[in-house]
Protein backbone atom coordinates (compact mmCIF):
# COMPACT_ATOMS: atom_id res chain seq x y z
CA MET A 1 32.59 -46.52 110.88
CA LYS A 2 32.86 -43.38 113.11
CA PHE A 3 32.29 -41.50 109.90
CA ILE A 4 29.03 -42.57 109.43
CA PHE A 5 28.01 -41.60 113.02
CA TYR A 6 29.83 -38.15 112.31
CA ILE A 7 27.52 -37.75 109.04
CA ILE A 8 24.48 -38.49 111.07
CA TYR A 9 25.42 -36.29 113.94
CA ALA A 10 25.85 -33.39 111.45
CA ILE A 11 22.55 -33.86 109.65
CA LEU A 12 20.72 -34.05 113.26
CA ILE A 13 22.47 -30.86 114.41
CA SER A 14 21.52 -29.15 111.06
CA LEU A 15 17.93 -30.26 111.24
CA ILE A 16 17.71 -29.06 114.75
CA ASN A 17 19.46 -26.06 113.78
CA ILE A 18 16.67 -25.68 110.67
CA SER A 19 13.83 -26.49 112.99
CA TRP A 20 14.96 -23.74 115.58
CA GLY A 21 15.58 -21.33 113.03
CA ASN A 22 11.94 -22.01 111.30
CA ALA A 23 10.36 -21.85 114.67
CA VAL A 24 12.12 -18.55 115.55
CA VAL A 25 10.83 -16.98 111.99
CA PHE A 26 7.49 -18.50 112.43
CA ALA A 27 7.29 -16.83 116.05
CA ILE A 28 8.53 -13.28 114.48
CA ASN A 29 6.00 -13.67 111.57
CA VAL A 30 3.05 -14.21 114.01
CA PHE A 31 4.47 -11.56 116.21
CA TYR A 32 4.30 -9.16 113.19
CA PHE A 33 0.93 -10.45 111.81
CA GLY A 34 -0.61 -9.84 115.24
CA ILE A 35 0.52 -6.18 115.32
CA PHE A 36 -0.64 -5.76 111.94
CA LEU A 37 -4.34 -7.63 112.62
CA ILE A 38 -4.40 -5.20 116.13
CA ALA A 39 -3.93 -2.02 113.82
CA LEU A 40 -6.24 -3.29 111.08
CA THR A 41 -8.87 -3.91 113.75
CA ILE A 42 -8.44 -0.49 115.69
CA CYS A 43 -8.63 1.03 111.96
CA LEU A 44 -11.96 -1.03 111.19
CA LEU A 45 -13.26 0.15 114.39
CA VAL A 46 -12.74 3.87 113.89
CA PHE A 47 -14.11 3.53 110.28
CA ILE A 48 -17.40 1.97 111.51
CA LEU A 49 -17.63 4.59 114.57
CA GLN A 50 -17.47 7.53 111.68
CA LEU A 51 -19.87 5.39 109.37
CA THR A 52 -22.45 4.71 111.96
CA LYS A 53 -22.47 8.51 112.91
CA VAL A 54 -23.04 9.31 109.20
CA PHE A 55 -25.83 6.69 109.01
CA LEU A 56 -27.40 7.74 112.28
CA LYS A 57 -27.74 11.34 110.93
CA LYS A 58 -29.22 10.27 107.70
CA LEU A 59 -31.59 8.01 109.62
CA LEU A 60 -32.69 10.79 111.87
CA LEU A 61 -33.09 13.07 109.01
CA ALA A 62 -35.15 10.54 107.30
CA VAL A 63 -37.43 9.57 110.43
CA ILE A 64 -37.89 13.37 110.62
CA TYR A 65 -38.64 14.42 106.96
CA LEU A 66 -39.89 11.23 105.34
CA PRO A 67 -43.32 11.07 107.26
CA THR A 68 -43.65 14.82 106.45
CA ILE A 69 -42.82 14.32 102.66
CA ILE A 70 -45.46 11.63 102.39
CA TYR A 71 -47.98 13.84 104.18
CA LEU A 72 -47.67 16.48 101.76
CA LEU A 73 -47.59 14.22 98.83
CA PHE A 74 -50.92 12.88 100.04
CA LYS A 75 -52.34 16.23 100.59
CA ALA A 76 -51.15 17.39 97.42
CA SER A 77 -52.67 14.40 95.52
CA VAL A 78 -56.04 14.84 97.43
CA PHE A 79 -56.08 18.64 96.54
CA LEU A 80 -55.22 17.76 92.76
CA THR A 81 -58.18 15.03 92.74
CA GLU A 82 -60.45 17.27 94.06
CA PHE A 83 -59.59 20.25 92.06
CA PHE A 84 -59.86 18.13 88.80
CA ASP A 85 -63.08 16.52 89.62
CA LYS A 86 -64.86 19.82 89.47
CA PHE A 87 -64.30 19.87 85.58
CA SER A 88 -66.56 17.75 83.24
CA PRO A 89 -64.88 15.37 80.99
CA PRO A 90 -64.10 16.86 77.34
CA TRP A 91 -66.58 14.50 75.53
């Protein structure tokens, strides 16, 4: 009868040992995942900062040059319309 209690005792000790090992491995994995996540977040923030600088420069150039280009195209179309209205149609 003592043999069954020793088997149950050994099974319980091994289950506790396995559970403790799994908990330690889980904690180590969570720690490394957290470090990886923090590093990835820092890289993403640096990338977004660089991307924002590039887009802000392009947006600033677009705000400056786009109205000028539209105005010049409008003036060119008005000039061409008035210029070609001077000639009579070919028929």
